[in-house]
Amino acid sequence: MREKEEILKIERSIGYILRIGVIVSAVIILISMFLVFFQTNSSQTPQNLSQIIQGLFQLKGDAFILLGLFCLILTPILRVVVSIFAFAKEKDYLYVAITVIVLLILLIGMGLGLVEK
């Protein structure tokens, strides 16, 4: 019985992660829409991480939109990471291995996307 409670607790935390990630992303994107709407100067969209960070400090809407999208992309990746720990706690090592492979594929895909720019 204790094991089922732990599994249910982990599943709830995964659900919370997904909800919070989507809500945070939506709030950031909504804020960025207001920033873009009220900004008079139209500057170039940030192309790399340093430009995004610089744009965040300068309160540029484009940088905040990219931050919101980045948070939205990281949400399912965080879910995969939490799932690895959940499967490990259940001692389901086959699913741990499969989930680690999925995480590696996601990270490699993101890395290749960064190299392509």
N, C-alpha and C. Protein backbone atom coordinates (compact mmCIF):
# COMPACT_ATOMS: atom_id res chain seq x y z
N MET A 1 0.82 -1.20 0.00
CA MET A 1 0.00 0.00 0.00
C MET A 1 0.86 1.26 0.00
N ARG A 2 1.94 1.23 0.74
CA ARG A 2 2.85 2.38 0.83
C ARG A 2 3.46 2.70 -0.53
N GLU A 3 3.76 1.64 -1.30
CA GLU A 3 4.35 1.81 -2.62
C GLU A 3 3.38 2.51 -3.57
N LYS A 4 2.10 2.14 -3.51
CA LYS A 4 1.10 2.78 -4.37
C LYS A 4 0.94 4.25 -4.03
N GLU A 5 1.04 4.60 -2.76
CA GLU A 5 0.95 6.00 -2.35
C GLU A 5 2.12 6.79 -2.90
N GLU A 6 3.31 6.19 -2.87
CA GLU A 6 4.49 6.87 -3.40
C GLU A 6 4.38 7.08 -4.91
N ILE A 7 3.87 6.07 -5.61
CA ILE A 7 3.69 6.17 -7.06
C ILE A 7 2.68 7.27 -7.38
N LEU A 8 1.60 7.30 -6.63
CA LEU A 8 0.59 8.33 -6.83
C LEU A 8 1.16 9.73 -6.55
N LYS A 9 1.99 9.83 -5.53
CA LYS A 9 2.63 11.10 -5.19
C LYS A 9 3.55 11.56 -6.33
N ILE A 10 4.30 10.64 -6.91
CA ILE A 10 5.20 10.97 -8.02
C ILE A 10 4.39 11.40 -9.24
N GLU A 11 3.30 10.68 -9.52
CA GLU A 11 2.47 11.04 -10.67
C GLU A 11 1.85 12.42 -10.50
N ARG A 12 1.45 12.75 -9.28
CA ARG A 12 0.91 14.08 -9.02
C ARG A 12 1.98 15.15 -9.22
N SER A 13 3.20 14.86 -8.75
CA SER A 13 4.27 15.86 -8.91
C SER A 13 4.60 16.07 -10.38
N ILE A 14 4.53 15.02 -11.18
CA ILE A 14 4.75 15.16 -12.62
C ILE A 14 3.66 16.03 -13.23
N GLY A 15 2.42 15.82 -12.80
CA GLY A 15 1.32 16.66 -13.28
C GLY A 15 1.51 18.11 -12.89
N TYR A 16 1.97 18.35 -11.66
CA TYR A 16 2.22 19.72 -11.20
C TYR A 16 3.32 20.37 -12.04
N ILE A 17 4.36 19.61 -12.34
CA ILE A 17 5.46 20.14 -13.15
C ILE A 17 4.94 20.59 -14.52
N LEU A 18 4.12 19.75 -15.13
CA LEU A 18 3.59 20.12 -16.45
C LEU A 18 2.70 21.35 -16.37
N ARG A 19 1.82 21.39 -15.37
CA ARG A 19 0.93 22.55 -15.22
C ARG A 19 1.71 23.83 -14.94
N ILE A 20 2.63 23.76 -14.00
CA ILE A 20 3.40 24.95 -13.64
C ILE A 20 4.25 25.42 -14.82
N GLY A 21 4.85 24.49 -15.54
CA GLY A 21 5.66 24.87 -16.70
C GLY A 21 4.85 25.59 -17.76
N VAL A 22 3.66 25.10 -18.03
CA VAL A 22 2.81 25.73 -19.05
C VAL A 22 2.32 27.10 -18.56
N ILE A 23 1.94 27.18 -17.28
CA ILE A 23 1.46 28.45 -16.74
C ILE A 23 2.57 29.50 -16.74
N VAL A 24 3.76 29.12 -16.29
CA VAL A 24 4.90 30.06 -16.27
C VAL A 24 5.20 30.53 -17.69
N SER A 25 5.21 29.61 -18.64
CA SER A 25 5.48 29.98 -20.03
C SER A 25 4.43 30.94 -20.56
N ALA A 26 3.17 30.65 -20.27
CA ALA A 26 2.08 31.51 -20.74
C ALA A 26 2.18 32.91 -20.14
N VAL A 27 2.50 32.99 -18.85
CA VAL A 27 2.62 34.30 -18.20
C VAL A 27 3.77 35.09 -18.81
N ILE A 28 4.90 34.44 -19.02
CA ILE A 28 6.05 35.13 -19.62
C ILE A 28 5.71 35.63 -21.03
N ILE A 29 5.03 34.80 -21.81
CA ILE A 29 4.67 35.19 -23.17
C ILE A 29 3.64 36.32 -23.16
N LEU A 30 2.69 36.28 -22.23
CA LEU A 30 1.72 37.39 -22.12
C LEU A 30 2.41 38.70 -21.75
N ILE A 31 3.33 38.64 -20.81
CA ILE A 31 4.09 39.83 -20.44
C ILE A 31 4.87 40.35 -21.64
N SER A 32 5.47 39.43 -22.39
CA SER A 32 6.26 39.84 -23.55
C SER A 32 5.39 40.48 -24.63
N MET A 33 4.14 40.02 -24.74
CA MET A 33 3.23 40.63 -25.72
C MET A 33 2.97 42.10 -25.37
N PHE A 34 2.79 42.39 -24.08
CA PHE A 34 2.61 43.77 -23.66
C PHE A 34 3.87 44.59 -23.93
N LEU A 35 5.03 43.99 -23.66
CA LEU A 35 6.28 44.70 -23.91
C LEU A 35 6.44 45.02 -25.39
N VAL A 36 6.15 44.05 -26.24
CA VAL A 36 6.27 44.26 -27.69
C VAL A 36 5.27 45.33 -28.15
N PHE A 37 4.08 45.28 -27.61
CA PHE A 37 3.03 46.22 -28.02
C PHE A 37 3.40 47.66 -27.66
N PHE A 38 4.01 47.85 -26.50
CA PHE A 38 4.29 49.21 -26.04
C PHE A 38 5.69 49.71 -26.41
N GLN A 39 6.50 48.87 -27.01
CA GLN A 39 7.83 49.32 -27.42
C GLN A 39 7.74 50.03 -28.76
N THR A 40 8.40 51.16 -28.83
CA THR A 40 8.35 51.92 -30.08
C THR A 40 9.49 51.54 -31.02
N ASN A 41 10.65 51.23 -30.46
CA ASN A 41 11.77 50.88 -31.33
C ASN A 41 11.70 49.41 -31.70
N SER A 42 11.84 49.14 -32.96
CA SER A 42 11.79 47.76 -33.45
C SER A 42 13.22 47.29 -33.69
N SER A 43 13.72 46.50 -32.76
CA SER A 43 15.08 46.00 -32.90
C SER A 43 15.05 44.58 -33.45
N GLN A 44 16.22 44.09 -33.76
CA GLN A 44 16.35 42.76 -34.32
C GLN A 44 16.08 41.70 -33.25
N THR A 45 15.51 40.58 -33.64
CA THR A 45 15.24 39.47 -32.73
C THR A 45 16.56 38.87 -32.27
N PRO A 46 16.70 38.58 -30.98
CA PRO A 46 17.94 37.97 -30.48
C PRO A 46 18.20 36.63 -31.17
N GLN A 47 19.46 36.39 -31.50
CA GLN A 47 19.83 35.18 -32.23
C GLN A 47 20.57 34.15 -31.40
N ASN A 48 21.13 34.55 -30.25
CA ASN A 48 21.86 33.60 -29.42
C ASN A 48 21.57 33.88 -27.95
N LEU A 49 22.10 33.03 -27.09
CA LEU A 49 21.79 33.11 -25.67
C LEU A 49 22.25 34.43 -25.05
N SER A 50 23.41 34.91 -25.44
CA SER A 50 23.89 36.17 -24.85
C SER A 50 23.00 37.34 -25.26
N GLN A 51 22.51 37.35 -26.49
CA GLN A 51 21.60 38.40 -26.94
C GLN A 51 20.26 38.32 -26.22
N ILE A 52 19.80 37.09 -25.96
CA ILE A 52 18.54 36.91 -25.23
C ILE A 52 18.67 37.44 -23.81
N ILE A 53 19.76 37.07 -23.13
CA ILE A 53 19.97 37.54 -21.76
C ILE A 53 20.09 39.06 -21.73
N GLN A 54 20.84 39.61 -22.67
CA GLN A 54 20.97 41.06 -22.76
C GLN A 54 19.61 41.72 -23.01
N GLY A 55 18.80 41.11 -23.86
CA GLY A 55 17.46 41.62 -24.15
C GLY A 55 16.54 41.55 -22.95
N LEU A 56 16.71 40.52 -22.11
CA LEU A 56 15.89 40.41 -20.90
C LEU A 56 16.20 41.56 -19.95
N PHE A 57 17.48 41.89 -19.81
CA PHE A 57 17.86 43.00 -18.93
C PHE A 57 17.38 44.34 -19.48
N GLN A 58 17.25 44.43 -20.80
CA GLN A 58 16.79 45.66 -21.43
C GLN A 58 15.27 45.68 -21.60
N LEU A 59 14.60 44.65 -21.07
CA LEU A 59 13.14 44.52 -21.15
C LEU A 59 12.62 44.54 -22.58
N LYS A 60 13.31 43.83 -23.45
CA LYS A 60 12.88 43.73 -24.85
C LYS A 60 11.88 42.57 -24.97
N GLY A 61 10.77 42.86 -25.61
CA GLY A 61 9.70 41.87 -25.73
C GLY A 61 10.11 40.61 -26.45
N ASP A 62 10.90 40.75 -27.51
CA ASP A 62 11.34 39.57 -28.29
C ASP A 62 12.12 38.59 -27.41
N ALA A 63 12.95 39.14 -26.55
CA ALA A 63 13.75 38.28 -25.66
C ALA A 63 12.84 37.53 -24.68
N PHE A 64 11.80 38.21 -24.20
CA PHE A 64 10.88 37.55 -23.27
C PHE A 64 10.04 36.48 -23.97
N ILE A 65 9.69 36.72 -25.22
CA ILE A 65 8.97 35.70 -25.98
C ILE A 65 9.83 34.45 -26.10
N LEU A 66 11.10 34.63 -26.43
CA LEU A 66 12.00 33.49 -26.55
C LEU A 66 12.19 32.78 -25.21
N LEU A 67 12.24 33.54 -24.11
CA LEU A 67 12.33 32.93 -22.78
C LEU A 67 11.09 32.09 -22.49
N GLY A 68 9.92 32.61 -22.82
CA GLY A 68 8.69 31.86 -22.61
C GLY A 68 8.65 30.57 -23.43
N LEU A 69 9.09 30.66 -24.67
CA LEU A 69 9.14 29.46 -25.52
C LEU A 69 10.17 28.46 -24.99
N PHE A 70 11.29 28.97 -24.50
CA PHE A 70 12.31 28.10 -23.92
C PHE A 70 11.76 27.36 -22.70
N CYS A 71 11.03 28.06 -21.86
CA CYS A 71 10.40 27.43 -20.69
C CYS A 71 9.40 26.37 -21.12
N LEU A 72 8.65 26.66 -22.18
CA LEU A 72 7.68 25.71 -22.69
C LEU A 72 8.36 24.46 -23.23
N ILE A 73 9.51 24.63 -23.87
CA ILE A 73 10.26 23.49 -24.40
C ILE A 73 10.87 22.68 -23.26
N LEU A 74 11.33 23.35 -22.21
CA LEU A 74 11.96 22.64 -21.08
C LEU A 74 10.97 21.87 -20.21
N THR A 75 9.70 22.22 -20.27
CA THR A 75 8.70 21.56 -19.42
C THR A 75 8.63 20.05 -19.65
N PRO A 76 8.46 19.57 -20.88
CA PRO A 76 8.42 18.12 -21.06
C PRO A 76 9.78 17.45 -20.80
N ILE A 77 10.86 18.20 -21.00
CA ILE A 77 12.18 17.62 -20.71
C ILE A 77 12.32 17.39 -19.21
N LEU A 78 11.85 18.35 -18.42
CA LEU A 78 11.87 18.19 -16.97
C LEU A 78 10.98 17.02 -16.55
N ARG A 79 9.90 16.82 -17.25
CA ARG A 79 9.01 15.68 -16.96
C ARG A 79 9.74 14.36 -17.21
N VAL A 80 10.52 14.30 -18.27
CA VAL A 80 11.28 13.09 -18.56
C VAL A 80 12.31 12.83 -17.46
N VAL A 81 12.98 13.89 -17.00
CA VAL A 81 13.97 13.75 -15.92
C VAL A 81 13.31 13.22 -14.65
N VAL A 82 12.17 13.79 -14.30
CA VAL A 82 11.45 13.34 -13.10
C VAL A 82 10.99 11.89 -13.27
N SER A 83 10.60 11.53 -14.47
CA SER A 83 10.18 10.15 -14.73
C SER A 83 11.32 9.16 -14.51
N ILE A 84 12.54 9.57 -14.84
CA ILE A 84 13.69 8.69 -14.61
C ILE A 84 13.79 8.37 -13.12
N PHE A 85 13.68 9.40 -12.28
CA PHE A 85 13.75 9.17 -10.84
C PHE A 85 12.56 8.36 -10.34
N ALA A 86 11.39 8.58 -10.93
CA ALA A 86 10.21 7.83 -10.52
C ALA A 86 10.37 6.35 -10.84
N PHE A 87 10.84 6.04 -12.04
CA PHE A 87 11.04 4.64 -12.41
C PHE A 87 12.15 4.00 -11.57
N ALA A 88 13.18 4.77 -11.24
CA ALA A 88 14.26 4.25 -10.41
C ALA A 88 13.75 3.92 -9.01
N LYS A 89 12.88 4.78 -8.50
CA LYS A 89 12.31 4.54 -7.17
C LYS A 89 11.43 3.29 -7.17
N GLU A 90 10.75 3.04 -8.28
CA GLU A 90 9.92 1.84 -8.42
C GLU A 90 10.76 0.60 -8.74
N LYS A 91 12.06 0.82 -8.95
CA LYS A 91 12.99 -0.25 -9.34
C LYS A 91 12.61 -0.89 -10.68
N ASP A 92 12.09 -0.08 -11.56
CA ASP A 92 11.73 -0.51 -12.90
C ASP A 92 12.84 -0.06 -13.85
N TYR A 93 13.91 -0.83 -13.86
CA TYR A 93 15.14 -0.41 -14.53
C TYR A 93 15.03 -0.44 -16.06
N LEU A 94 14.14 -1.23 -16.60
CA LEU A 94 13.93 -1.21 -18.04
C LEU A 94 13.39 0.16 -18.47
N TYR A 95 12.42 0.66 -17.73
CA TYR A 95 11.87 1.98 -18.06
C TYR A 95 12.85 3.10 -17.73
N VAL A 96 13.69 2.90 -16.75
CA VAL A 96 14.75 3.89 -16.48
C VAL A 96 15.65 3.99 -17.71
N ALA A 97 16.05 2.85 -18.24
CA ALA A 97 16.93 2.84 -19.41
C ALA A 97 16.25 3.48 -20.63
N ILE A 98 15.00 3.12 -20.84
CA ILE A 98 14.25 3.68 -21.98
C ILE A 98 14.11 5.19 -21.83
N THR A 99 13.80 5.65 -20.62
CA THR A 99 13.60 7.07 -20.39
C THR A 99 14.92 7.84 -20.50
N VAL A 100 16.02 7.24 -20.09
CA VAL A 100 17.33 7.88 -20.27
C VAL A 100 17.63 8.02 -21.76
N ILE A 101 17.30 7.01 -22.54
CA ILE A 101 17.51 7.08 -24.00
C ILE A 101 16.67 8.20 -24.59
N VAL A 102 15.41 8.31 -24.14
CA VAL A 102 14.54 9.40 -24.62
C VAL A 102 15.15 10.76 -24.27
N LEU A 103 15.65 10.89 -23.04
CA LEU A 103 16.27 12.14 -22.61
C LEU A 103 17.50 12.47 -23.47
N LEU A 104 18.32 11.46 -23.74
CA LEU A 104 19.50 11.68 -24.59
C LEU A 104 19.10 12.13 -25.99
N ILE A 105 18.05 11.51 -26.54
CA ILE A 105 17.57 11.90 -27.88
C ILE A 105 17.09 13.35 -27.87
N LEU A 106 16.36 13.73 -26.82
CA LEU A 106 15.89 15.12 -26.70
C LEU A 106 17.07 16.09 -26.62
N LEU A 107 18.06 15.77 -25.80
CA LEU A 107 19.21 16.64 -25.63
C LEU A 107 20.06 16.72 -26.90
N ILE A 108 20.22 15.60 -27.57
CA ILE A 108 20.97 15.60 -28.84
C ILE A 108 20.22 16.43 -29.88
N GLY A 109 18.91 16.29 -29.93
CA GLY A 109 18.11 17.09 -30.87
C GLY A 109 18.24 18.58 -30.60
N MET A 110 18.19 18.95 -29.32
CA MET A 110 18.36 20.36 -28.97
C MET A 110 19.76 20.84 -29.33
N GLY A 111 20.75 19.99 -29.07
CA GLY A 111 22.13 20.37 -29.39
C GLY A 111 22.33 20.54 -30.88
N LEU A 112 21.74 19.65 -31.67
CA LEU A 112 21.86 19.78 -33.12
C LEU A 112 21.14 21.03 -33.61
N GLY A 113 20.05 21.37 -32.97
CA GLY A 113 19.34 22.61 -33.33
C GLY A 113 20.17 23.83 -33.06
N LEU A 114 20.95 23.80 -31.98
CA LEU A 114 21.81 24.93 -31.66
C LEU A 114 22.97 25.04 -32.64
N VAL A 115 23.51 23.89 -33.07
CA VAL A 115 24.64 23.88 -33.99
C VAL A 115 24.20 24.38 -35.38
N GLU A 116 22.97 24.09 -35.77
CA GLU A 116 22.48 24.48 -37.09
C GLU A 116 22.43 25.99 -37.27
N LYS A 117 22.23 26.73 -36.19
CA LYS A 117 22.18 28.20 -36.29
C LYS A 117 23.55 28.69 -36.56
